[in-house]
Protein backbone atom coordinates (compact mmCIF):
# COMPACT_ATOMS: atom_id res chain seq x y z
CA MET A 1 30.32 -9.51 -51.46
CA THR A 2 33.78 -10.82 -50.51
CA PRO A 3 33.84 -14.63 -50.22
CA ARG A 4 34.56 -15.80 -46.68
CA GLU A 5 34.44 -19.60 -46.90
CA PRO A 6 36.23 -21.97 -49.32
CA LEU A 7 34.17 -22.93 -52.36
CA GLY A 8 35.04 -26.57 -51.74
CA GLU A 9 33.32 -26.50 -48.37
CA ILE A 10 30.28 -24.74 -49.82
CA ALA A 11 30.10 -27.31 -52.61
CA ARG A 12 30.31 -30.19 -50.15
CA GLU A 13 27.72 -28.87 -47.69
CA TRP A 14 25.12 -27.76 -50.26
CA LEU A 15 25.56 -30.97 -52.27
CA ARG A 16 24.87 -32.95 -49.10
CA ILE A 17 21.58 -31.08 -48.66
CA GLY A 18 20.75 -31.59 -52.33
CA VAL A 19 21.27 -35.34 -52.02
CA THR A 20 19.60 -35.88 -48.63
CA GLY A 21 16.85 -33.22 -48.72
CA PHE A 22 13.82 -35.48 -48.95
CA GLY A 23 10.53 -33.95 -47.85
CA GLY A 24 10.23 -30.75 -49.85
CA PRO A 25 10.66 -27.12 -48.73
CA PRO A 26 10.08 -27.66 -44.97
CA ALA A 27 12.92 -30.20 -44.91
CA HIS A 28 15.18 -27.96 -47.02
CA ILE A 29 14.64 -24.97 -44.73
CA SER A 30 15.34 -27.09 -41.66
CA LEU A 31 18.55 -28.50 -43.14
CA LEU A 32 19.75 -25.06 -44.23
CA ARG A 33 19.08 -23.55 -40.82
CA ARG A 34 20.89 -26.42 -39.11
CA LEU A 35 23.90 -25.83 -41.37
CA VAL A 36 24.28 -22.06 -41.54
CA VAL A 37 22.91 -21.09 -38.10
CA GLU A 38 23.45 -24.01 -35.71
CA ARG A 39 26.47 -25.93 -37.02
CA LYS A 40 28.61 -23.29 -38.73
CA GLY A 41 27.34 -20.00 -37.31
CA TRP A 42 27.59 -18.35 -40.74
CA MET A 43 24.28 -16.50 -40.18
CA ASP A 44 22.45 -15.57 -37.01
CA ALA A 45 18.89 -16.79 -36.44
CA HIS A 46 17.32 -13.39 -37.14
CA ALA A 47 19.13 -12.98 -40.46
CA PHE A 48 18.08 -16.47 -41.51
CA GLU A 49 14.43 -15.83 -40.65
CA ASP A 50 14.50 -12.53 -42.57
CA ALA A 51 16.02 -14.30 -45.58
CA ASN A 52 13.38 -17.03 -45.44
CA ALA A 53 10.59 -14.46 -45.25
CA ALA A 54 12.04 -12.46 -48.14
CA CYS A 55 12.30 -15.60 -50.29
CA SER A 56 8.61 -16.26 -49.73
CA LEU A 57 7.89 -12.90 -51.40
CA LEU A 58 9.61 -13.95 -54.63
CA PRO A 59 8.05 -16.04 -57.41
CA GLY A 60 9.51 -19.47 -58.05
CA PRO A 61 10.81 -22.15 -55.66
CA SER A 62 11.41 -20.36 -52.36
CA SER A 63 13.55 -23.07 -50.74
CA THR A 64 15.84 -23.07 -53.79
CA GLN A 65 16.20 -19.30 -53.54
CA LEU A 66 16.90 -19.57 -49.83
CA ALA A 67 19.62 -22.15 -50.51
CA ILE A 68 21.21 -19.88 -53.12
CA PHE A 69 20.99 -16.82 -50.88
CA CYS A 70 22.55 -18.60 -47.90
CA ALA A 71 25.42 -19.69 -50.14
CA TYR A 72 25.70 -16.08 -51.35
CA ARG A 73 25.99 -14.85 -47.78
CA VAL A 74 28.70 -17.42 -47.09
CA GLY A 75 30.74 -17.16 -50.28
CA GLY A 76 29.62 -14.21 -52.40
CA TRP A 77 28.45 -14.69 -55.96
CA PRO A 78 30.84 -17.64 -56.61
CA GLY A 79 29.44 -19.32 -53.52
CA ALA A 80 25.87 -18.69 -54.72
CA ILE A 81 26.59 -20.43 -58.02
CA VAL A 82 28.47 -23.36 -56.48
CA GLY A 83 26.01 -23.85 -53.62
CA GLY A 84 22.95 -23.39 -55.80
CA LEU A 85 24.16 -25.95 -58.31
CA GLY A 86 25.00 -28.35 -55.50
CA PHE A 87 21.45 -28.05 -54.25
CA VAL A 88 19.71 -28.28 -57.65
CA VAL A 89 21.77 -30.61 -59.85
CA PRO A 90 21.31 -33.88 -57.88
CA ALA A 91 17.51 -33.63 -58.15
CA VAL A 92 17.64 -32.90 -61.88
CA VAL A 93 20.01 -35.81 -62.52
CA MET A 94 17.87 -38.22 -60.48
CA VAL A 95 14.65 -37.12 -62.18
CA LEU A 96 16.19 -37.56 -65.64
CA ALA A 97 17.62 -40.98 -64.73
CA LEU A 98 14.25 -42.15 -63.44
CA SER A 99 12.54 -40.68 -66.51
CA LEU A 100 14.63 -42.99 -68.68
CA LEU A 101 13.13 -45.90 -66.76
CA PHE A 102 9.54 -44.77 -66.19
CA LEU A 103 8.90 -42.79 -69.37
CA SER A 104 10.64 -45.02 -71.90
CA GLN A 105 8.72 -46.46 -74.82
CA ALA A 106 8.34 -49.99 -73.42
CA PRO A 107 9.02 -50.13 -69.66
CA PRO A 108 8.51 -53.47 -67.86
CA GLU A 109 5.06 -54.15 -66.41
CA TRP A 110 6.24 -53.74 -62.84
CA VAL A 111 7.70 -50.33 -63.71
CA ARG A 112 4.45 -49.25 -65.33
CA GLY A 113 2.58 -50.48 -62.28
CA ALA A 114 4.90 -48.67 -59.88
CA GLY A 115 4.43 -45.44 -61.79
CA ALA A 116 0.66 -45.87 -61.89
CA GLY A 117 0.57 -46.58 -58.15
CA ALA A 118 2.74 -43.64 -57.13
CA GLY A 119 0.93 -41.39 -59.59
CA ALA A 120 -2.42 -42.35 -58.07
CA ALA A 121 -1.34 -40.86 -54.74
CA VAL A 122 -0.25 -37.52 -56.20
CA ALA A 123 -3.65 -35.83 -55.78
CA ALA A 124 -3.51 -36.53 -52.04
CA VAL A 125 0.01 -35.08 -51.93
CA ALA A 126 -1.31 -31.89 -53.56
CA VAL A 127 -4.03 -31.55 -50.91
CA ARG A 128 -1.47 -32.10 -48.15
CA ALA A 129 0.85 -29.46 -49.65
CA GLY A 130 -1.95 -26.91 -49.90
CA LEU A 131 -3.23 -27.51 -46.39
CA GLU A 132 0.26 -27.09 -44.92
CA LEU A 133 0.40 -23.59 -46.41
CA PHE A 134 -3.16 -22.70 -45.37
CA GLY A 135 -2.47 -21.77 -41.73
CA PRO A 136 0.62 -19.58 -42.27
CA SER A 137 -1.06 -17.75 -45.14
CA ARG A 138 -4.17 -16.99 -43.09
CA LYS A 139 -2.01 -15.85 -40.17
CA ARG A 140 -0.13 -13.46 -42.44
CA ALA A 141 -3.40 -12.13 -43.87
CA ARG A 142 -4.71 -11.39 -40.37
CA ALA A 143 -1.46 -9.66 -39.43
CA GLU A 144 -1.74 -7.46 -42.52
CA GLN A 145 -5.46 -6.85 -41.88
CA VAL A 146 -6.63 -8.47 -45.11
CA PRO A 147 -10.36 -9.30 -44.75
CA ALA A 148 -11.08 -13.02 -44.58
CA TRP A 149 -13.53 -12.81 -47.48
CA ARG A 150 -10.89 -11.24 -49.75
CA TRP A 151 -8.26 -13.80 -48.79
CA ALA A 152 -10.78 -16.58 -49.45
CA ALA A 153 -11.76 -15.06 -52.80
CA TYR A 154 -8.15 -15.15 -53.99
CA GLY A 155 -7.85 -18.77 -52.91
CA LEU A 156 -11.10 -19.68 -54.64
CA ALA A 157 -10.00 -17.96 -57.84
CA GLY A 158 -6.74 -19.91 -57.85
CA GLY A 159 -8.50 -23.20 -57.12
CA ILE A 160 -11.06 -22.75 -59.89
CA ALA A 161 -8.37 -21.70 -62.35
CA ALA A 162 -6.18 -24.72 -61.55
CA ALA A 163 -9.13 -27.07 -62.02
CA THR A 164 -10.43 -25.52 -65.23
CA VAL A 165 -8.31 -23.11 -67.26
CA GLY A 166 -4.91 -24.83 -67.10
CA PRO A 167 -2.34 -22.75 -68.99
CA TYR A 168 -3.99 -19.45 -68.03
CA LEU A 169 -3.51 -20.06 -64.31
CA VAL A 170 -0.50 -17.78 -64.24
CA LEU A 171 -2.67 -14.87 -65.42
CA VAL A 172 -5.07 -15.51 -62.54
CA LEU A 173 -2.19 -15.53 -60.03
CA LEU A 174 -0.85 -12.25 -61.45
CA ALA A 175 -4.32 -10.72 -61.47
CA CYS A 176 -4.98 -11.64 -57.83
CA GLY A 177 -1.66 -10.11 -56.82
CA ALA A 178 -2.37 -6.97 -58.84
CA VAL A 179 -5.87 -6.57 -57.38
CA GLU A 180 -4.56 -6.79 -53.80
CA LEU A 181 -1.79 -4.32 -54.62
CA VAL A 182 -4.37 -1.97 -56.11
CA LEU A 183 -6.60 -2.23 -53.06
CA ARG A 184 -3.69 -1.42 -50.77
CA ARG A 185 -2.19 1.38 -52.84
CA GLY A 186 -5.12 2.72 -54.88
CA THR A 187 -3.36 2.48 -58.26
CA SER A 188 -4.93 1.58 -61.58
CA VAL A 189 -5.85 -2.02 -62.25
CA ALA A 190 -5.19 -1.61 -65.96
CA VAL A 191 -1.64 -0.40 -65.36
CA ALA A 192 -0.93 -3.24 -62.93
CA VAL A 193 -2.29 -6.08 -65.03
CA ASP A 194 -2.10 -5.27 -68.73
CA PRO A 195 1.70 -5.22 -69.26
CA ALA A 196 2.09 -8.58 -67.53
CA ALA A 197 -0.74 -10.10 -69.56
CA ALA A 198 0.72 -8.76 -72.79
CA LEU A 199 4.14 -10.17 -71.93
CA LEU A 200 2.70 -13.60 -71.15
CA LEU A 201 0.69 -13.79 -74.34
CA ALA A 202 3.57 -12.56 -76.48
CA ALA A 203 6.00 -15.16 -75.09
CA ALA A 204 4.05 -18.25 -76.18
CA SER A 205 5.60 -19.97 -79.23
CA ALA A 206 5.93 -23.32 -80.94
CA GLY A 207 8.51 -26.12 -80.78
CA LEU A 208 11.24 -25.81 -78.18
CA GLY A 209 9.96 -22.31 -77.53
CA SER A 210 6.87 -23.86 -75.97
CA LEU A 211 9.03 -25.89 -73.60
CA VAL A 212 11.06 -22.81 -72.70
CA TRP A 213 7.89 -20.80 -72.11
CA MET A 214 6.48 -23.45 -69.79
CA ALA A 215 9.79 -23.54 -67.89
CA ILE A 216 9.70 -19.75 -67.54
CA LYS A 217 6.21 -19.95 -66.05
CA VAL A 218 7.39 -22.59 -63.60
CA GLY A 219 10.57 -20.81 -62.55
CA ALA A 220 9.68 -17.13 -62.71
CA LEU A 221 5.91 -16.83 -62.40
CA SER A 222 4.83 -19.62 -60.03
CA PHE A 223 4.00 -17.62 -56.91
CA GLY A 224 4.04 -20.06 -54.03
CA GLY A 225 6.64 -22.36 -55.64
CA GLY A 226 6.60 -26.06 -54.93
CA PHE A 227 3.38 -27.79 -55.89
CA VAL A 228 1.83 -24.80 -57.63
CA ILE A 229 3.92 -25.81 -60.66
CA VAL A 230 1.70 -28.88 -61.16
CA PRO A 231 -1.37 -27.13 -62.60
CA LEU A 232 0.94 -24.83 -64.56
CA MET A 233 2.51 -27.84 -66.27
CA GLN A 234 -0.31 -30.35 -66.58
CA ASP A 235 -2.46 -28.72 -69.23
CA ASP A 236 0.52 -27.69 -71.37
CA ALA A 237 2.25 -31.07 -71.17
CA VAL A 238 -0.85 -33.24 -71.66
CA ASN A 239 -3.56 -31.31 -73.49
CA VAL A 240 -1.90 -28.49 -75.41
CA TYR A 241 1.39 -29.95 -76.67
CA HIS A 242 0.71 -33.67 -76.09
CA TRP A 243 4.18 -34.38 -74.81
CA MET A 244 2.81 -36.83 -72.25
CA THR A 245 -0.29 -38.81 -71.37
CA ASN A 246 -2.07 -38.13 -68.10
CA SER A 247 -0.55 -41.30 -66.63
CA GLU A 248 2.95 -40.25 -67.66
CA PHE A 249 2.42 -36.81 -66.15
CA LEU A 250 1.37 -38.36 -62.86
CA ASN A 251 4.51 -40.49 -63.01
CA ALA A 252 6.58 -37.34 -63.54
CA VAL A 253 5.05 -35.58 -60.54
CA ALA A 254 5.64 -38.67 -58.40
CA LEU A 255 9.30 -38.75 -59.52
CA GLY A 256 9.69 -35.13 -58.43
CA GLN A 257 8.29 -36.00 -55.01
CA VAL A 258 10.32 -39.13 -54.24
CA THR A 259 13.65 -37.55 -55.20
CA PRO A 260 15.48 -35.14 -52.86
CA GLY A 261 16.00 -31.48 -53.60
CA PRO A 262 13.55 -28.97 -55.10
CA VAL A 263 10.17 -30.15 -56.41
CA VAL A 264 10.65 -27.88 -59.44
CA ALA A 265 13.07 -30.52 -60.76
CA THR A 266 9.89 -32.28 -61.92
CA ILE A 267 10.07 -30.11 -65.02
CA ALA A 268 13.10 -32.11 -66.15
CA ALA A 269 10.81 -35.12 -66.63
CA VAL A 270 8.41 -33.04 -68.72
CA GLY A 271 11.32 -31.74 -70.77
CA TYR A 272 12.53 -35.31 -71.28
CA ALA A 273 9.10 -36.33 -72.57
CA ALA A 274 9.09 -33.35 -74.94
CA ALA A 275 12.61 -33.56 -76.37
CA GLY A 276 14.68 -36.25 -74.68
CA ILE A 277 17.64 -35.65 -72.36
CA GLY A 278 18.44 -32.35 -74.05
CA GLY A 279 14.89 -31.14 -73.49
CA GLY A 280 15.05 -32.15 -69.84
CA LEU A 281 18.31 -30.26 -69.29
CA LEU A 282 17.00 -27.21 -71.16
CA ALA A 283 13.75 -27.10 -69.20
CA ALA A 284 15.57 -27.45 -65.87
CA ALA A 285 18.11 -24.75 -66.76
CA VAL A 286 15.41 -22.27 -67.77
CA ALA A 287 13.26 -23.05 -64.73
CA PHE A 288 16.07 -22.52 -62.23
CA LEU A 289 17.74 -19.55 -63.94
CA PRO A 290 15.36 -16.95 -62.39
CA SER A 291 16.19 -18.18 -58.87
CA PHE A 292 19.90 -17.64 -59.48
CA SER A 293 19.22 -14.29 -61.17
CA PHE A 294 17.15 -12.94 -58.28
CA ILE A 295 19.99 -13.56 -55.84
CA LEU A 296 22.97 -12.70 -58.03
CA LEU A 297 21.46 -9.45 -59.29
CA GLY A 298 19.72 -8.32 -56.13
CA GLY A 299 21.45 -10.12 -53.29
CA GLY A 300 22.90 -6.93 -51.82
CA ARG A 301 19.41 -5.51 -51.27
CA PHE A 302 17.62 -8.83 -50.91
CA GLU A 303 16.88 -8.69 -47.21
CA ARG A 304 15.06 -5.36 -47.64
CA LEU A 305 12.41 -7.11 -49.75
CA ARG A 306 10.57 -8.21 -46.65
CA ALA A 307 9.84 -4.58 -45.76
CA ASN A 308 8.75 -3.64 -49.30
CA ASP A 309 5.07 -2.71 -49.20
CA ALA A 310 4.52 -3.37 -52.91
CA ALA A 311 6.00 -6.86 -52.72
CA ARG A 312 3.97 -7.72 -49.62
CA GLY A 313 0.81 -6.30 -51.19
CA PHE A 314 1.25 -8.31 -54.38
CA LEU A 315 1.94 -11.52 -52.48
CA GLY A 316 -1.11 -10.80 -50.32
CA GLY A 317 -3.23 -11.66 -53.36
CA ALA A 318 -1.00 -14.02 -55.33
CA GLY A 319 -0.08 -16.12 -52.27
CA PRO A 320 -3.63 -17.25 -51.35
CA ALA A 321 -4.39 -17.77 -55.04
CA ALA A 322 -1.35 -20.07 -55.31
CA ILE A 323 -2.56 -22.09 -52.32
CA GLY A 324 -5.97 -22.41 -53.93
CA ALA A 325 -4.26 -23.52 -57.14
CA ILE A 326 -2.39 -26.26 -55.29
CA LEU A 327 -5.63 -27.56 -53.77
CA GLY A 328 -7.48 -27.16 -57.05
CA SER A 329 -4.83 -29.15 -58.92
CA ALA A 330 -6.00 -32.25 -57.02
CA ILE A 331 -9.17 -32.30 -59.17
CA PRO A 332 -7.53 -32.84 -62.59
CA LEU A 333 -4.89 -35.07 -61.00
CA ALA A 334 -7.57 -37.34 -59.54
CA GLY A 335 -9.56 -37.14 -62.76
CA ALA A 336 -6.58 -38.50 -64.69
CA LEU A 337 -6.83 -41.90 -62.91
CA SER A 338 -8.29 -44.59 -65.12
CA GLU A 339 -8.28 -47.83 -63.08
CA ALA A 340 -10.44 -48.69 -60.08
CA TRP A 341 -7.48 -49.88 -58.02
CA GLN A 342 -5.84 -46.47 -58.48
CA ALA A 343 -8.84 -44.84 -56.81
CA ALA A 344 -8.37 -47.20 -53.88
CA VAL A 345 -4.68 -46.29 -53.69
CA LEU A 346 -5.60 -42.59 -53.74
CA ALA A 347 -8.06 -43.11 -50.88
CA ALA A 348 -5.44 -44.98 -48.84
CA ALA A 349 -2.86 -42.29 -49.55
CA ALA A 350 -5.30 -39.58 -48.44
CA VAL A 351 -5.82 -41.38 -45.14
CA ALA A 352 -2.08 -41.84 -44.64
CA LEU A 353 -1.17 -38.24 -45.49
CA LEU A 354 -4.12 -36.26 -44.15
CA LEU A 355 -5.28 -38.28 -41.15
CA LEU A 356 -2.28 -40.32 -40.03
CA ARG A 357 0.22 -37.59 -41.02
CA GLN A 358 2.64 -40.01 -42.62
CA GLY A 359 5.54 -38.72 -44.72
CA VAL A 360 5.12 -37.97 -48.42
CA VAL A 361 8.07 -40.08 -49.61
CA PRO A 362 7.12 -43.28 -47.70
CA THR A 363 3.50 -42.91 -48.85
CA LEU A 364 4.50 -42.56 -52.50
CA LEU A 365 6.92 -45.47 -52.25
CA GLY A 366 4.20 -47.61 -50.66
CA ALA A 367 1.73 -46.66 -53.40
CA GLY A 368 4.38 -47.48 -56.00
CA ALA A 369 4.98 -50.89 -54.40
CA VAL A 370 1.25 -51.68 -54.58
CA GLY A 371 1.22 -50.71 -58.26
CA ALA A 372 4.33 -52.79 -58.99
CA ALA A 373 2.70 -55.83 -57.39
CA ILE A 374 -0.42 -55.33 -59.51
CA GLY A 375 1.71 -55.02 -62.62
CA LEU A 376 3.62 -58.22 -61.82
CA ALA A 377 0.34 -60.02 -61.18
CA GLY A 378 -0.99 -59.04 -64.60
CA GLY A 379 -3.55 -56.58 -63.29
CA PRO A 380 -4.99 -53.74 -65.40
CA LEU A 381 -2.64 -50.81 -65.95
CA PRO A 382 -3.40 -47.39 -67.44
């Protein structure tokens, strides 16, 4: 694709979105549309909607892939790299900088309290994220004539897996997608599932390999993107490899929510806990590499993905399962709380997010302020 716009302008515009894009994927999509459709006229509305729909069919962070694809449309493959980095790098840098403060060996009491307060609200954020995806997913299922019971079964499978089996959640997501594809096309379940399962099991390894494998799951196998990465990371980071405590993991998720840019940047905090700054950079690079690869290798045919029956069939099962996983992740996240005041903060956050419809960032900052005050007052901290 021949570049049409200067790389400097692409770098400036996508960096601005990366720095100001608080609010997760809905905010990112809105900012991208305002830039490329309304302000600059680089894409028409129909092309943008097709691109957004196609991104939702890919694994990994869909808003990141949409940002990279829009930059690809504007500036070819150099634009995709420059724009994608502008969107991703600020979040990674902010998460690592905050990790130095919140995940250090001896942070001040108010910092520990702020992390414990913000972390206490994370389970409510997970429920909010899942519920926001519930309606569009059900609407798509009805349009594709997927029976309600089958759609619900995929969601239930994902929810149970997120709450119980931890690192094997990705196998459940793949299996749900394969089953739906089988039901739509009549192919063999064994052929659809076994190679993926064998690949997943063969990739697990020790040391830095474990960190790389977790980042691959987050970036290339997390159907639904966004908050579905939380159950994929939690069991590995806390229970399997013991890189973090439950409280530190909650802090990491909160850091990913209060910073702008893609939520997947949370993995940088996990990488920092595992192997310092180098580990954080490695984990982030591996997690975001698939998003760049999807666009750079397939950008010329990318918009056709929306019409691909196999892709739509697979997502018809994996998508509801991912939503169930997001909702199910609230159970272990809430179970990780250890102080009574954290339960009260969680209840208040649930009211603010689910009933009063307050923003995620202000709610997390408010919860962090309560925790900081408790820490300064000498209250109990996890």
